[in-house]
């Protein structure tokens, strides 16, 4: 009778690893602490859309949504680099149109550039 101990141990290990990796939430909320206050932020990347008429910098969220921030230049200054990761909090500006005509128009209330 052959012993299958190494195979059984490998299967148990693989099952355990798969179980824990399946439980890992890749889209979990990012919590930022500022002045001893915790709040949720969304993550995304800076996108330079200056090649489009009337567009400048936009933010592409990890969920694929595009945001057109009205105050990004004022908040980020010279730290704007295409593809750079950001964590943001924002208010949607309903009924506001821009010449860019792309993405939701938002006003940033928090910006952290990685």
Protein backbone atom coordinates (compact mmCIF):
# COMPACT_ATOMS: atom_id res chain seq x y z
CA UNK A 1 0.00 0.00 0.00
CA UNK A 2 1.42 3.39 -1.02
CA UNK A 3 1.31 6.45 1.21
CA UNK A 4 0.02 9.65 -0.32
CA UNK A 5 0.97 11.99 2.53
CA UNK A 6 2.88 14.56 0.39
CA UNK A 7 0.04 14.74 -2.13
CA UNK A 8 -2.61 15.06 0.58
CA UNK A 9 -0.60 17.80 2.34
CA UNK A 10 -0.15 19.68 -0.95
CA UNK A 11 -3.90 19.49 -1.65
CA UNK A 12 -4.75 20.71 1.86
CA UNK A 13 -2.30 23.58 1.50
CA UNK A 14 -3.62 24.54 -1.95
CA UNK A 15 -7.22 24.44 -0.72
CA UNK A 16 -6.36 26.63 2.25
CA UNK A 17 -4.55 29.19 0.09
CA UNK A 18 -7.41 29.31 -2.43
CA UNK A 19 -9.99 29.70 0.32
CA UNK A 20 -8.22 32.68 1.88
CA UNK A 21 -7.41 34.33 -1.45
CA UNK A 22 -11.07 34.07 -2.51
CA UNK A 23 -12.07 35.95 0.64
CA UNK A 24 -9.66 38.81 -0.11
CA UNK A 25 -11.67 41.88 -1.14
CA UNK A 26 -9.69 43.81 -3.75
CA UNK A 27 -12.19 46.69 -3.79
CA UNK A 28 -12.30 47.32 -0.08
CA UNK A 29 -12.81 50.86 1.10
CA UNK A 30 -9.71 52.82 1.86
CA UNK A 31 -9.85 54.53 5.22
CA UNK A 32 -7.83 57.68 5.63
CA UNK A 33 -7.11 59.26 8.98
CA UNK A 34 -6.84 63.02 9.07
CA UNK A 35 -6.96 65.06 12.25
CA UNK A 36 -7.99 61.92 14.17
CA UNK A 37 -11.03 61.43 11.92
CA UNK A 38 -11.47 58.36 9.74
CA UNK A 39 -13.30 58.55 6.44
CA UNK A 40 -13.75 56.49 3.28
CA UNK A 41 -12.10 57.51 0.06
CA UNK A 42 -12.18 56.19 -3.48
CA UNK A 43 -9.03 55.29 -5.39
CA UNK A 44 -8.14 55.94 -9.01
CA UNK A 45 -5.53 57.34 -11.36
CA UNK A 46 -4.89 60.75 -12.87
CA UNK A 47 -5.57 60.93 -16.61
CA UNK A 48 -4.27 63.73 -18.84
CA UNK A 49 -7.10 64.37 -21.32
CA UNK A 50 -5.69 67.64 -22.65
CA UNK A 51 -5.73 66.16 -26.17
CA UNK A 52 -9.54 66.31 -26.08
CA UNK A 53 -11.16 69.67 -26.76
CA UNK A 54 -11.85 71.54 -23.53
CA UNK A 55 -10.52 68.80 -21.26
CA UNK A 56 -7.67 68.84 -18.81
CA UNK A 57 -6.99 66.44 -15.98
CA UNK A 58 -9.53 63.78 -15.10
CA UNK A 59 -9.60 60.94 -12.59
CA UNK A 60 -10.41 57.39 -13.61
CA UNK A 61 -11.72 55.52 -10.59
CA UNK A 62 -10.84 51.88 -9.99
CA UNK A 63 -14.44 50.97 -10.87
CA UNK A 64 -13.95 52.56 -14.34
CA UNK A 65 -15.96 55.75 -13.77
CA UNK A 66 -14.44 58.98 -15.08
CA UNK A 67 -14.54 62.14 -12.98
CA UNK A 68 -14.01 65.69 -14.17
CA UNK A 69 -12.82 67.58 -11.07
CA UNK A 70 -13.27 71.35 -11.08
CA UNK A 71 -10.66 72.09 -8.42
CA UNK A 72 -7.91 69.55 -9.12
CA UNK A 73 -5.33 72.14 -10.20
CA UNK A 74 -5.87 74.15 -7.03
CA UNK A 75 -5.54 71.10 -4.78
CA UNK A 76 -2.65 69.27 -6.50
CA UNK A 77 -0.51 72.06 -7.91
CA UNK A 78 2.56 70.70 -9.69
CA UNK A 79 2.04 67.08 -8.56
CA UNK A 80 -0.13 66.19 -11.55
CA UNK A 81 1.41 63.28 -13.45
CA UNK A 82 -0.47 61.04 -15.87
CA UNK A 83 -1.11 57.59 -14.37
CA UNK A 84 -0.36 58.62 -10.79
CA UNK A 85 -2.53 56.92 -8.13
CA UNK A 86 -4.82 59.08 -6.02
CA UNK A 87 -7.22 58.69 -3.13
CA UNK A 88 -10.12 61.15 -3.24
CA UNK A 89 -13.36 62.23 -1.70
CA UNK A 90 -15.72 64.38 -3.75
CA UNK A 91 -19.14 65.94 -4.14
CA UNK A 92 -20.99 65.45 -7.44
CA UNK A 93 -22.01 68.77 -8.98
CA UNK A 94 -25.41 67.97 -10.51
CA UNK A 95 -26.56 70.17 -13.37
CA UNK A 96 -23.07 71.51 -14.09
CA UNK A 97 -21.70 71.19 -17.62
CA UNK A 98 -18.17 71.71 -18.89
CA UNK A 99 -16.70 72.09 -22.34
CA UNK A 100 -15.00 68.71 -21.87
CA UNK A 101 -18.35 66.87 -21.85
CA UNK A 102 -16.74 63.74 -20.41
CA UNK A 103 -17.22 62.19 -16.98
CA UNK A 104 -19.13 63.38 -13.92
CA UNK A 105 -18.33 66.93 -12.86
CA UNK A 106 -17.16 66.84 -9.23
CA UNK A 107 -15.70 69.10 -6.59
CA UNK A 108 -12.88 67.41 -4.66
CA UNK A 109 -13.11 67.62 -0.88
CA UNK A 110 -10.02 65.47 -0.25
CA UNK A 111 -7.04 64.54 -2.43
CA UNK A 112 -4.04 62.39 -1.61
CA UNK A 113 -1.54 61.69 -4.37
CA UNK A 114 0.53 58.53 -3.95
